[in-house]
């Protein structure tokens, strides 16, 4: 099976990047929510993840 992807034009690449970032953020948040740890530890994990992403511009 072949898949064809039509990439956005250069002036709309930022929209793709924003949507990819939103998707990644949702995955991170859902993963943290599903951890079997206390709510306090979940909050600390989220804060650590955010600081890591800010430092590494991901």
N, C-alpha and C. Protein backbone atom coordinates (compact mmCIF):
# COMPACT_ATOMS: atom_id res chain seq x y z
N UNK A 1 0.85 -1.17 0.00
CA UNK A 1 0.00 0.00 0.00
C UNK A 1 0.90 1.23 0.00
N UNK A 2 0.60 2.17 -0.84
CA UNK A 2 1.36 3.41 -0.93
C UNK A 2 0.59 4.55 -0.28
N UNK A 3 1.34 5.38 0.40
CA UNK A 3 0.76 6.58 1.01
C UNK A 3 1.44 7.78 0.40
N UNK A 4 0.65 8.77 0.11
CA UNK A 4 1.19 10.01 -0.45
C UNK A 4 0.88 11.14 0.53
N UNK A 5 1.89 11.90 0.81
CA UNK A 5 1.74 13.02 1.74
C UNK A 5 1.99 14.31 0.99
N UNK A 6 1.06 15.20 1.10
CA UNK A 6 1.22 16.51 0.47
C UNK A 6 1.71 17.47 1.55
N UNK A 7 2.92 17.92 1.42
CA UNK A 7 3.50 18.83 2.40
C UNK A 7 2.97 20.24 2.18
N UNK A 8 2.86 20.99 3.26
CA UNK A 8 2.35 22.36 3.13
C UNK A 8 3.36 23.26 2.44
N UNK A 9 2.85 24.31 1.89
CA UNK A 9 3.74 25.30 1.28
C UNK A 9 4.57 25.97 2.37
N UNK A 10 5.62 26.64 1.97
CA UNK A 10 6.54 27.24 2.96
C UNK A 10 5.84 28.22 3.89
N UNK A 11 4.85 28.94 3.40
CA UNK A 11 4.18 29.92 4.26
C UNK A 11 3.24 29.26 5.28
N UNK A 12 2.98 27.94 5.14
CA UNK A 12 2.09 27.27 6.09
C UNK A 12 2.78 26.18 6.90
N UNK A 13 4.09 26.11 6.81
CA UNK A 13 4.84 25.11 7.58
C UNK A 13 4.69 25.35 9.07
N UNK A 14 4.56 26.60 9.49
CA UNK A 14 4.40 26.89 10.92
C UNK A 14 3.13 26.26 11.48
N UNK A 15 2.09 26.13 10.67
CA UNK A 15 0.85 25.49 11.11
C UNK A 15 1.12 24.00 11.38
N UNK A 16 1.84 23.35 10.50
CA UNK A 16 2.21 21.95 10.69
C UNK A 16 3.05 21.79 11.95
N UNK A 17 4.01 22.66 12.14
CA UNK A 17 4.87 22.59 13.32
C UNK A 17 4.06 22.78 14.61
N UNK A 18 3.13 23.72 14.60
CA UNK A 18 2.28 23.95 15.77
C UNK A 18 1.42 22.73 16.09
N UNK A 19 0.85 22.12 15.06
CA UNK A 19 0.00 20.95 15.28
C UNK A 19 0.81 19.75 15.75
N UNK A 20 2.02 19.61 15.25
CA UNK A 20 2.91 18.53 15.72
C UNK A 20 3.27 18.75 17.19
N UNK A 21 3.54 19.99 17.55
CA UNK A 21 3.86 20.31 18.94
C UNK A 21 2.67 20.04 19.84
N UNK A 22 1.47 20.38 19.40
CA UNK A 22 0.26 20.09 20.18
C UNK A 22 0.09 18.59 20.39
N UNK A 23 0.33 17.82 19.34
CA UNK A 23 0.20 16.37 19.42
C UNK A 23 1.22 15.79 20.40
N UNK A 24 2.46 16.24 20.31
CA UNK A 24 3.50 15.76 21.22
C UNK A 24 3.15 16.13 22.66
N UNK A 25 2.65 17.34 22.87
CA UNK A 25 2.27 17.77 24.22
C UNK A 25 1.16 16.88 24.78
N UNK A 26 0.19 16.55 23.95
CA UNK A 26 -0.90 15.66 24.39
C UNK A 26 -0.37 14.29 24.78
N UNK A 27 0.56 13.76 23.99
CA UNK A 27 1.15 12.46 24.31
C UNK A 27 1.89 12.50 25.64
N UNK A 28 2.66 13.55 25.86
CA UNK A 28 3.41 13.68 27.11
C UNK A 28 2.45 13.78 28.29
N UNK A 29 1.45 14.61 28.18
CA UNK A 29 0.50 14.80 29.28
C UNK A 29 -0.25 13.52 29.58
N UNK A 30 -0.72 12.82 28.56
CA UNK A 30 -1.46 11.58 28.78
C UNK A 30 -0.56 10.51 29.39
N UNK A 31 0.69 10.47 28.98
CA UNK A 31 1.63 9.50 29.55
C UNK A 31 1.84 9.78 31.04
N UNK A 32 2.02 11.04 31.38
CA UNK A 32 2.21 11.40 32.78
C UNK A 32 0.96 11.10 33.59
N UNK A 33 -0.23 11.37 33.03
CA UNK A 33 -1.49 11.08 33.72
C UNK A 33 -1.62 9.59 34.04
N UNK A 34 -1.12 8.75 33.14
CA UNK A 34 -1.29 7.31 33.30
C UNK A 34 -0.23 6.65 34.18
N UNK A 35 0.74 7.42 34.66
CA UNK A 35 1.74 6.87 35.55
C UNK A 35 1.10 6.50 36.88
N UNK A 36 1.53 5.43 37.45
CA UNK A 36 0.98 4.99 38.73
C UNK A 36 1.82 5.57 39.87
N UNK A 37 1.75 6.89 39.99
CA UNK A 37 2.45 7.62 41.04
C UNK A 37 1.49 8.66 41.61
N UNK A 38 1.87 9.27 42.70
CA UNK A 38 0.99 10.26 43.34
C UNK A 38 0.83 11.50 42.46
N UNK A 39 -0.21 12.25 42.76
CA UNK A 39 -0.47 13.47 41.99
C UNK A 39 0.67 14.47 42.16
N UNK A 40 1.26 14.52 43.33
CA UNK A 40 2.39 15.41 43.57
C UNK A 40 3.56 15.02 42.68
N UNK A 41 3.83 13.72 42.59
CA UNK A 41 4.92 13.25 41.74
C UNK A 41 4.62 13.49 40.26
N UNK A 42 3.36 13.37 39.88
CA UNK A 42 2.98 13.67 38.49
C UNK A 42 3.25 15.14 38.17
N UNK A 43 2.93 16.01 39.11
CA UNK A 43 3.17 17.44 38.92
C UNK A 43 4.66 17.72 38.80
N UNK A 44 5.46 17.09 39.66
CA UNK A 44 6.91 17.26 39.59
C UNK A 44 7.46 16.74 38.27
N UNK A 45 6.94 15.61 37.81
CA UNK A 45 7.37 15.04 36.54
C UNK A 45 7.05 15.98 35.39
N UNK A 46 5.86 16.55 35.41
CA UNK A 46 5.46 17.50 34.37
C UNK A 46 6.35 18.74 34.39
N UNK A 47 6.63 19.27 35.56
CA UNK A 47 7.49 20.45 35.68
C UNK A 47 8.90 20.15 35.18
N UNK A 48 9.43 18.98 35.54
CA UNK A 48 10.77 18.59 35.08
C UNK A 48 10.78 18.43 33.55
N UNK A 49 9.74 17.82 33.01
CA UNK A 49 9.65 17.64 31.56
C UNK A 49 9.60 18.98 30.85
N UNK A 50 8.82 19.91 31.37
CA UNK A 50 8.72 21.23 30.75
C UNK A 50 10.05 21.97 30.80
N UNK A 51 10.74 21.91 31.92
CA UNK A 51 12.02 22.58 32.01
C UNK A 51 13.04 21.94 31.07
N UNK A 52 13.00 20.62 30.94
CA UNK A 52 13.89 19.92 30.02
C UNK A 52 13.64 20.37 28.58
N UNK A 53 12.36 20.43 28.20
CA UNK A 53 12.02 20.82 26.83
C UNK A 53 12.42 22.27 26.56
N UNK A 54 12.26 23.14 27.54
CA UNK A 54 12.67 24.53 27.36
C UNK A 54 14.17 24.65 27.18
N UNK A 55 14.92 23.89 27.96
CA UNK A 55 16.39 23.92 27.85
C UNK A 55 16.89 23.40 26.52
N UNK A 56 16.20 22.39 26.00
CA UNK A 56 16.66 21.74 24.78
C UNK A 56 15.87 22.17 23.54
N UNK A 57 14.96 23.12 23.71
CA UNK A 57 14.19 23.69 22.58
C UNK A 57 13.58 22.61 21.71
N UNK A 58 12.89 21.67 22.34
CA UNK A 58 12.28 20.57 21.58
C UNK A 58 10.86 20.88 21.23
